[in-house]
Protein backbone atom coordinates (compact mmCIF):
# COMPACT_ATOMS: atom_id res chain seq x y z
CA MET A 1 112.84 -23.47 79.43
CA ALA A 2 110.38 -25.96 77.80
CA THR A 3 106.71 -25.91 77.43
CA THR A 4 104.77 -27.93 80.52
CA LYS A 5 102.25 -31.10 79.88
CA GLU A 6 99.53 -28.67 81.55
CA TYR A 7 99.89 -26.17 79.11
CA ARG A 8 100.16 -28.52 76.29
CA ASP A 9 97.16 -29.71 77.39
CA PHE A 10 95.47 -26.49 77.97
CA VAL A 11 95.73 -25.29 74.56
CA LEU A 12 94.60 -29.02 72.64
CA GLU A 13 92.02 -27.96 74.79
CA GLN A 14 91.29 -25.14 73.59
CA LEU A 15 91.26 -26.62 69.83
CA ASN A 16 88.78 -28.91 70.51
CA LEU A 17 86.43 -27.40 68.26
CA LEU A 18 88.61 -28.49 65.13
CA ASP A 19 88.76 -31.97 64.41
CA ASN A 20 91.60 -33.96 63.20
CA ILE A 21 94.41 -31.98 65.40
CA THR A 22 97.59 -33.48 66.24
CA CYS A 23 100.41 -32.75 68.50
CA LYS A 24 104.04 -33.99 68.03
CA SER A 25 106.81 -33.59 70.48
CA MET A 26 110.32 -32.64 69.62
CA MET A 27 112.56 -31.63 71.71
CA GLY A 28 110.54 -30.55 74.79
CA GLU A 29 108.30 -28.03 72.74
CA TYR A 30 105.20 -29.41 70.85
CA LEU A 31 104.83 -29.05 66.90
CA LEU A 32 100.90 -28.64 65.76
CA TYR A 33 99.26 -29.97 62.93
CA TYR A 34 95.58 -29.56 61.54
CA ASN A 35 94.80 -32.00 58.69
CA ASN A 36 98.24 -33.27 58.53
CA ILE A 37 99.33 -29.40 57.87
CA LEU A 38 101.97 -28.12 60.14
CA PHE A 39 100.31 -24.32 61.33
CA GLY A 40 102.82 -23.70 64.27
CA GLY A 41 103.78 -25.16 67.53
CA ILE A 42 103.63 -24.81 71.82
CA TYR A 43 106.98 -23.03 72.26
CA ASP A 44 107.81 -21.93 76.12
CA ASP A 45 104.12 -22.41 77.25
CA ARG A 46 103.25 -20.12 74.24
CA LEU A 47 101.07 -20.32 71.25
CA LEU A 48 103.02 -19.80 67.73
CA VAL A 49 101.51 -19.73 64.24
CA LYS A 50 103.17 -19.64 61.00
CA ILE A 51 103.03 -16.23 59.51
CA VAL A 52 100.73 -16.53 56.10
CA ASP A 53 98.99 -13.54 54.20
CA SER A 54 95.67 -14.64 55.00
CA ASN A 55 96.52 -14.62 59.10
CA LYS A 56 98.01 -11.26 59.12
CA LYS A 57 94.63 -9.60 59.69
CA TYR A 58 94.14 -10.62 63.16
CA ASN A 59 97.29 -8.25 63.92
CA MET A 60 99.32 -10.73 66.22
CA GLN A 61 102.47 -10.26 67.32
CA GLU A 62 105.49 -11.61 66.22
CA SER A 63 107.55 -13.69 68.52
CA ILE A 64 110.77 -15.85 67.87
CA PRO A 65 109.87 -19.90 69.00
CA TYR A 66 113.55 -20.54 69.40
CA ASP A 67 116.86 -19.31 68.18
CA GLY A 68 117.74 -19.80 64.71
CA ALA A 69 114.08 -19.70 63.88
CA LYS A 70 111.85 -17.66 61.72
CA PRO A 71 109.48 -15.30 63.27
CA MET A 72 106.08 -16.69 63.99
CA TYR A 73 102.63 -14.96 65.28
CA LEU A 74 101.76 -15.60 69.07
CA VAL A 75 98.15 -15.98 69.66
CA ASP A 76 97.97 -14.49 73.03
CA ASP A 77 93.80 -14.83 72.85
CA ILE A 78 93.94 -18.67 73.59
CA ASP A 79 90.70 -18.27 75.65
CA ASN A 80 88.76 -17.62 73.08
CA GLN A 81 87.74 -20.88 70.86
CA GLU A 82 86.12 -19.41 68.38
CA PHE A 83 88.69 -16.63 67.17
CA LEU A 84 91.55 -19.42 67.67
CA LYS A 85 89.51 -22.43 65.31
CA GLU A 86 89.25 -18.89 62.96
CA ILE A 87 93.06 -18.42 63.07
CA VAL A 88 94.26 -21.75 62.48
CA ILE A 89 91.38 -22.57 59.65
CA ASP A 90 92.74 -19.48 57.99
CA THR A 91 96.46 -20.52 58.14
CA CYS A 92 96.18 -23.82 56.99
CA LYS A 93 93.74 -23.02 54.12
CA GLU A 94 96.95 -20.86 53.00
CA LEU A 95 99.32 -23.51 54.07
CA SER A 96 97.39 -26.28 51.67
CA ASN A 97 97.52 -24.04 48.96
CA LYS A 98 101.29 -23.50 48.65
CA LYS A 99 101.80 -27.60 48.81
């Protein structure tokens, strides 16, 4: 099942507290970038972020985005924009340090 455009639009609206969010379509799903750092995606109407040490404190559930992929964290509470912003910033800080 591919992600709906309505769900994509909703997620992007929830991420509007962050500048420089970009979304790229990939095979019916969407990759999400913050300041050009790939931090997660929207898969089957679910928001998932990469697993890094700095976002483990949020106690999110692991989920597989698609067959054969590495596990990612499922962001359940996307209604809370401040919480979502913190998750993205913490995830991207660590990802940018790995480059």
